[in-house]
């Protein structure tokens, strides 16, 4: 007969504002991962800087400000189709730049 091991549930650890939050401290404490993240961030920012201004605007509004296509359209006073087109070409260009720059 096989025995199953089980851990005791701790009510105090799973209640309150932190319930369900997974601690990622081990990643922050890993120097190699920190270097990798810093390198990736620098590559992304360098690629982002190579985008035309109109494409950078829509990427920032969509990805960082989390605006809808309609909101971006209203803010920039352009059709929603233009917003979608600029995002498409910006993302495609970023992929190409990051792929070309991959180690």
Protein backbone atom coordinates (compact mmCIF):
# COMPACT_ATOMS: atom_id res chain seq x y z
CA UNK A 1 0.00 0.00 0.00
CA UNK A 2 1.39 3.41 -1.03
CA UNK A 3 1.35 6.28 1.38
CA UNK A 4 0.55 9.73 0.16
CA UNK A 5 2.38 12.60 1.68
CA UNK A 6 0.47 15.77 2.28
CA UNK A 7 1.28 19.17 3.64
CA UNK A 8 -0.78 20.87 6.29
CA UNK A 9 -2.75 23.89 5.11
CA UNK A 10 -1.81 27.12 6.86
CA UNK A 11 -4.80 29.50 7.15
CA UNK A 12 -2.63 32.40 8.22
CA UNK A 13 -0.45 32.27 5.10
CA UNK A 14 -3.37 32.27 2.67
CA UNK A 15 -5.53 34.99 4.13
CA UNK A 16 -5.34 38.73 3.77
CA UNK A 17 -4.10 40.94 0.98
CA UNK A 18 -1.27 38.60 -0.02
CA UNK A 19 -3.49 35.55 -0.55
CA UNK A 20 -2.61 33.78 -3.76
CA UNK A 21 0.54 35.82 -4.40
CA UNK A 22 3.57 33.80 -5.41
CA UNK A 23 6.84 35.14 -4.13
CA UNK A 24 9.40 35.69 -6.89
CA UNK A 25 12.27 36.75 -4.68
CA UNK A 26 14.43 33.89 -5.88
CA UNK A 27 14.45 35.40 -9.39
CA UNK A 28 15.44 38.80 -8.07
CA UNK A 29 18.31 37.27 -6.16
CA UNK A 30 19.73 35.50 -9.22
CA UNK A 31 22.57 37.64 -10.67
CA UNK A 32 22.56 35.77 -13.98
CA UNK A 33 18.83 36.32 -14.47
CA UNK A 34 19.25 39.98 -13.56
CA UNK A 35 21.91 40.39 -16.26
CA UNK A 36 19.72 38.60 -18.80
CA UNK A 37 16.72 40.81 -17.97
CA UNK A 38 18.83 43.96 -18.18
CA UNK A 39 20.23 42.90 -21.56
CA UNK A 40 16.75 42.09 -22.89
CA UNK A 41 15.39 45.42 -21.64
CA UNK A 42 18.22 47.29 -23.38
CA UNK A 43 17.57 45.39 -26.64
CA UNK A 44 13.85 46.15 -26.50
CA UNK A 45 14.42 49.85 -25.81
CA UNK A 46 16.98 50.10 -28.61
CA UNK A 47 14.55 48.45 -31.04
CA UNK A 48 11.72 50.66 -29.80
CA UNK A 49 13.83 53.76 -30.48
CA UNK A 50 14.16 52.68 -34.12
CA UNK A 51 10.41 52.79 -34.72
CA UNK A 52 8.91 55.81 -36.49
CA UNK A 53 7.30 58.28 -34.08
CA UNK A 54 3.73 57.47 -35.16
CA UNK A 55 4.28 53.77 -34.44
CA UNK A 56 5.93 54.48 -31.08
CA UNK A 57 2.91 56.56 -30.06
CA UNK A 58 0.40 53.78 -30.66
CA UNK A 59 2.58 51.16 -28.99
CA UNK A 60 2.93 53.30 -25.86
CA UNK A 61 -0.78 54.09 -25.73
CA UNK A 62 -1.82 50.47 -26.31
CA UNK A 63 0.80 48.49 -24.36
CA UNK A 64 1.77 50.86 -21.57
CA UNK A 65 -1.34 52.98 -21.12
CA UNK A 66 -3.60 50.00 -21.94
CA UNK A 67 -5.90 52.11 -24.09
CA UNK A 68 -8.41 50.56 -26.47
CA UNK A 69 -8.15 51.09 -30.22
CA UNK A 70 -11.08 53.50 -29.96
CA UNK A 71 -9.41 55.53 -27.21
CA UNK A 72 -6.16 55.73 -29.17
CA UNK A 73 -8.13 56.75 -32.25
CA UNK A 74 -9.78 59.55 -30.29
CA UNK A 75 -6.56 60.76 -28.66
CA UNK A 76 -4.55 60.83 -31.89
CA UNK A 77 -7.53 61.88 -34.05
CA UNK A 78 -6.96 59.06 -36.53
CA UNK A 79 -9.22 56.21 -37.71
CA UNK A 80 -9.21 52.96 -35.71
CA UNK A 81 -7.99 51.14 -38.80
CA UNK A 82 -4.91 53.35 -38.82
CA UNK A 83 -4.30 52.54 -35.15
CA UNK A 84 -4.48 48.81 -35.91
CA UNK A 85 -2.22 49.19 -38.94
CA UNK A 86 0.41 51.15 -37.03
CA UNK A 87 0.38 48.62 -34.21
CA UNK A 88 0.73 45.75 -36.66
CA UNK A 89 3.71 47.31 -38.43
CA UNK A 90 5.31 48.41 -35.15
CA UNK A 91 5.09 44.93 -33.68
CA UNK A 92 6.38 43.35 -36.87
CA UNK A 93 9.32 45.77 -36.98
CA UNK A 94 10.12 45.10 -33.31
CA UNK A 95 10.12 41.36 -33.97
CA UNK A 96 12.48 41.78 -36.92
CA UNK A 97 14.82 44.06 -34.99
CA UNK A 98 14.92 41.80 -31.96
CA UNK A 99 15.40 38.67 -34.04
CA UNK A 100 18.25 40.28 -36.00
CA UNK A 101 19.90 41.39 -32.75
CA UNK A 102 19.55 38.01 -31.03
CA UNK A 103 22.77 36.51 -29.69
